[in-house]
């Protein structure tokens, strides 16, 4: 990838960054990460990311989650109030979230099931009035997931496959406008730290959450 470089690597996880600043010196670096989570399907991981039911259990940067509007079964507008990180001002995000199944996309080797995709992008909403005490962050985030099975069980039927045989390969991208200036080094260190913590948290939580449930492709 042109102008992208690895900023973190640990096992199956790899995080890339491309350094961008606007004319005011605000850091707008897009981040891209790949990761594999064992014991979970693409559908299960995407549903954990999309649905708010368990969000407060795995996303520990949040103080509150508010559902502003449900547009349909797969599209919802949320307000996230983030925990304040001293000495910066407390932040919030207002975004629309959509989950879907992608077709006509390349499949990884030994893949089964669909390619699940979640897109979160900032919007304005009449129920989310501007609060001068908060900084409103703009986001453009995506999560794409595919399920694949271990090579050793590729000869088996779907009904014979166990959780230990399945894996979820994900690609996560994030573009965040922090809503104001902060030192570039600080912003970049926080960005790298938070994306790696997020991937580990959602992967671990999701796998444990579905461990005793039927496999959902």
Protein backbone atom coordinates (compact mmCIF):
# COMPACT_ATOMS: atom_id res chain seq x y z
CA UNK A 1 0.00 0.00 0.00
CA UNK A 2 1.48 3.33 -1.10
CA UNK A 3 2.43 5.67 1.76
CA UNK A 4 1.17 3.21 4.39
CA UNK A 5 3.51 1.72 6.94
CA UNK A 6 3.19 -0.76 9.78
CA UNK A 7 2.96 0.81 13.25
CA UNK A 8 2.06 -2.31 15.22
CA UNK A 9 2.33 -6.05 14.70
CA UNK A 10 1.46 -8.87 17.10
CA UNK A 11 0.70 -12.37 15.88
CA UNK A 12 -2.24 -12.20 13.46
CA UNK A 13 -2.76 -8.48 14.09
CA UNK A 14 -1.14 -5.85 11.90
CA UNK A 15 -1.90 -2.10 12.02
CA UNK A 16 -1.00 0.35 9.26
CA UNK A 17 -1.03 4.15 9.26
CA UNK A 18 -0.80 6.87 6.62
CA UNK A 19 0.24 10.26 8.04
CA UNK A 20 -2.00 13.18 7.03
CA UNK A 21 -2.42 16.63 8.58
CA UNK A 22 -4.78 19.39 7.45
CA UNK A 23 -3.76 23.02 6.88
CA UNK A 24 -4.24 23.76 10.59
CA UNK A 25 -1.92 20.95 11.64
CA UNK A 26 -4.73 18.68 12.86
CA UNK A 27 -3.75 15.01 12.57
CA UNK A 28 -6.15 13.08 10.30
CA UNK A 29 -4.15 9.86 9.89
CA UNK A 30 -6.25 7.00 8.48
CA UNK A 31 -5.60 3.65 10.14
CA UNK A 32 -6.02 0.20 8.63
CA UNK A 33 -5.76 -3.09 10.49
CA UNK A 34 -5.98 -6.79 9.72
CA UNK A 35 -6.61 -9.43 12.35
CA UNK A 36 -7.84 -13.01 12.77
CA UNK A 37 -10.06 -14.17 15.63
CA UNK A 38 -10.41 -17.91 16.26
CA UNK A 39 -13.68 -19.60 17.20
CA UNK A 40 -16.08 -17.05 15.73
CA UNK A 41 -17.75 -16.38 12.38
CA UNK A 42 -17.85 -13.20 10.34
CA UNK A 43 -21.56 -12.81 11.04
CA UNK A 44 -21.10 -13.19 14.78
CA UNK A 45 -18.26 -10.66 15.00
CA UNK A 46 -20.02 -8.13 12.75
CA UNK A 47 -23.19 -8.44 14.82
CA UNK A 48 -21.24 -7.78 18.04
CA UNK A 49 -19.78 -4.64 16.48
CA UNK A 50 -23.12 -3.44 15.07
CA UNK A 51 -25.65 -4.18 17.80
CA UNK A 52 -25.58 -2.02 20.96
CA UNK A 53 -26.71 -4.73 23.41
CA UNK A 54 -23.21 -5.63 24.61
CA UNK A 55 -21.27 -2.57 23.44
CA UNK A 56 -20.61 -1.21 26.91
CA UNK A 57 -19.09 -4.57 27.89
CA UNK A 58 -16.29 -4.51 25.31
CA UNK A 59 -15.90 -0.81 24.44
CA UNK A 60 -14.43 0.64 27.64
CA UNK A 61 -13.82 4.12 26.21
CA UNK A 62 -17.57 4.85 26.37
CA UNK A 63 -19.46 6.59 29.14
CA UNK A 64 -22.88 6.30 27.47
CA UNK A 65 -24.57 4.97 24.31
CA UNK A 66 -27.81 6.53 23.07
CA UNK A 67 -29.86 5.24 20.14
CA UNK A 68 -31.18 8.35 18.38
CA UNK A 69 -33.11 6.69 15.56
CA UNK A 70 -33.65 3.28 13.99
CA UNK A 71 -34.03 3.77 10.23
CA UNK A 72 -34.58 0.05 9.57
CA UNK A 73 -33.42 -3.32 10.88
CA UNK A 74 -29.87 -2.79 9.61
CA UNK A 75 -29.40 0.98 9.95
CA UNK A 76 -29.30 2.95 13.21
CA UNK A 77 -28.15 6.40 14.34
CA UNK A 78 -26.24 6.52 17.64
CA UNK A 79 -24.71 9.03 20.00
CA UNK A 80 -21.59 7.92 21.83
CA UNK A 81 -20.38 9.90 24.83
CA UNK A 82 -16.73 9.08 25.38
CA UNK A 83 -14.98 9.06 28.73
CA UNK A 84 -12.95 12.19 29.30
CA UNK A 85 -9.20 11.81 28.95
CA UNK A 86 -7.56 14.47 31.10
CA UNK A 87 -6.62 17.22 30.28
CA UNK A 88 -8.56 17.20 26.98
CA UNK A 89 -12.21 18.16 26.66
CA UNK A 90 -14.81 15.37 26.72
CA UNK A 91 -15.84 14.12 23.27
CA UNK A 92 -18.92 12.71 21.57
CA UNK A 93 -19.70 11.12 18.20
CA UNK A 94 -22.98 11.11 16.29
CA UNK A 95 -22.98 8.47 13.59
CA UNK A 96 -25.08 6.27 11.37
CA UNK A 97 -24.30 2.54 11.48
CA UNK A 98 -25.25 0.03 8.79
CA UNK A 99 -24.62 -3.72 8.52
CA UNK A 100 -24.88 -5.68 5.29
CA UNK A 101 -23.64 -8.74 3.40
CA UNK A 102 -21.30 -7.96 0.50
CA UNK A 103 -21.52 -9.89 -2.74
CA UNK A 104 -19.06 -10.17 -5.62
CA UNK A 105 -16.03 -9.60 -3.39
CA UNK A 106 -12.84 -11.71 -3.37
CA UNK A 107 -12.95 -14.61 -0.91
CA UNK A 108 -10.04 -15.83 1.20
CA UNK A 109 -8.91 -19.45 0.97
CA UNK A 110 -11.20 -22.02 2.64
CA UNK A 111 -13.88 -19.39 3.24
CA UNK A 112 -17.44 -20.29 4.18
CA UNK A 113 -20.50 -18.11 4.72
CA UNK A 114 -20.94 -14.51 3.66
CA UNK A 115 -18.77 -11.40 3.78
CA UNK A 116 -20.20 -9.14 6.48
CA UNK A 117 -19.60 -5.39 6.44
CA UNK A 118 -20.36 -2.66 8.98
CA UNK A 119 -20.00 1.03 8.14
CA UNK A 120 -20.11 3.85 10.73
CA UNK A 121 -20.06 7.43 9.47
CA UNK A 122 -20.72 10.77 11.14
CA UNK A 123 -24.04 12.55 10.60
CA UNK A 124 -25.98 15.44 12.06
CA UNK A 125 -29.23 14.61 13.84
CA UNK A 126 -31.98 16.84 15.28
CA UNK A 127 -31.94 14.95 18.59
CA UNK A 128 -28.22 15.62 19.02
CA UNK A 129 -27.93 19.32 19.81
CA UNK A 130 -24.49 20.91 19.97
CA UNK A 131 -23.20 20.99 23.55
CA UNK A 132 -20.48 23.64 24.01
CA UNK A 133 -18.97 21.56 26.82
CA UNK A 134 -18.25 18.70 24.40
CA UNK A 135 -16.06 18.28 21.32
CA UNK A 136 -17.82 16.49 18.47
CA UNK A 137 -15.55 13.98 16.74
CA UNK A 138 -16.12 13.05 13.09
CA UNK A 139 -15.61 9.41 12.11
CA UNK A 140 -15.61 7.18 9.06
CA UNK A 141 -15.14 3.57 10.15
CA UNK A 142 -15.58 0.21 8.47
CA UNK A 143 -15.31 -3.44 9.48
CA UNK A 144 -15.25 -6.25 6.89
CA UNK A 145 -15.28 -9.89 8.02
CA UNK A 146 -14.99 -13.30 6.35
CA UNK A 147 -15.10 -16.78 7.88
CA UNK A 148 -12.66 -19.49 6.94
CA UNK A 149 -12.06 -23.00 8.24
CA UNK A 150 -8.84 -24.77 9.10
CA UNK A 151 -7.37 -26.73 6.20
CA UNK A 152 -7.59 -29.99 8.17
CA UNK A 153 -11.42 -29.93 8.11
CA UNK A 154 -12.05 -28.69 4.56
CA UNK A 155 -13.29 -32.18 3.61
CA UNK A 156 -16.04 -32.07 6.25
CA UNK A 157 -19.61 -30.88 5.79
CA UNK A 158 -20.77 -27.64 7.42
CA UNK A 159 -22.71 -29.62 10.05
CA UNK A 160 -19.54 -31.41 11.16
CA UNK A 161 -17.45 -28.27 11.69
CA UNK A 162 -16.79 -27.24 15.29
CA UNK A 163 -15.97 -23.82 16.77
CA UNK A 164 -12.33 -24.80 17.13
CA UNK A 165 -12.20 -25.19 13.34
CA UNK A 166 -13.45 -21.71 12.37
CA UNK A 167 -11.72 -18.35 12.13
CA UNK A 168 -12.80 -14.80 11.34
CA UNK A 169 -10.50 -12.69 9.18
CA UNK A 170 -11.24 -8.99 9.55
CA UNK A 171 -10.16 -5.72 7.97
CA UNK A 172 -10.82 -2.59 10.03
CA UNK A 173 -10.37 0.98 8.79
CA UNK A 174 -10.75 4.23 10.72
CA UNK A 175 -10.60 7.89 9.74
CA UNK A 176 -11.15 10.21 12.68
CA UNK A 177 -11.24 14.00 12.89
CA UNK A 178 -10.59 14.72 16.58
CA UNK A 179 -12.52 18.00 16.50
CA UNK A 180 -9.56 20.18 17.39
CA UNK A 181 -5.80 20.47 17.50
CA UNK A 182 -3.61 18.32 19.71
CA UNK A 183 0.12 17.50 19.51
CA UNK A 184 0.72 15.15 16.57
CA UNK A 185 2.83 12.73 18.59
CA UNK A 186 0.14 12.43 21.27
CA UNK A 187 -2.67 11.89 18.74
CA UNK A 188 -0.71 9.24 16.86
CA UNK A 189 0.28 7.37 20.00
CA UNK A 190 -3.32 7.35 21.23
CA UNK A 191 -4.61 6.25 17.83
CA UNK A 192 -2.23 3.31 17.65
CA UNK A 193 -2.92 2.31 21.25
CA UNK A 194 -6.70 2.50 20.96
CA UNK A 195 -7.03 0.56 17.70
CA UNK A 196 -4.95 -2.33 19.03
CA UNK A 197 -6.87 -2.37 22.33
CA UNK A 198 -10.16 -2.28 20.40
CA UNK A 199 -9.24 -5.23 18.18
CA UNK A 200 -8.12 -7.32 21.13
CA UNK A 201 -11.19 -6.45 23.22
CA UNK A 202 -13.83 -7.09 20.58
CA UNK A 203 -12.13 -10.27 19.42
CA UNK A 204 -11.80 -11.74 22.91
CA UNK A 205 -15.26 -10.65 24.02
CA UNK A 206 -17.03 -11.88 20.87
CA UNK A 207 -15.36 -15.31 20.93
CA UNK A 208 -16.25 -15.80 24.60
CA UNK A 209 -19.80 -14.50 24.10
CA UNK A 210 -20.66 -17.09 21.41
CA UNK A 211 -18.47 -19.95 22.68
CA UNK A 212 -21.43 -22.02 23.91
CA UNK A 213 -23.87 -21.01 21.17
CA UNK A 214 -24.59 -22.76 17.85
CA UNK A 215 -22.32 -21.57 15.02
CA UNK A 216 -24.06 -18.74 13.13
CA UNK A 217 -22.80 -18.37 9.57
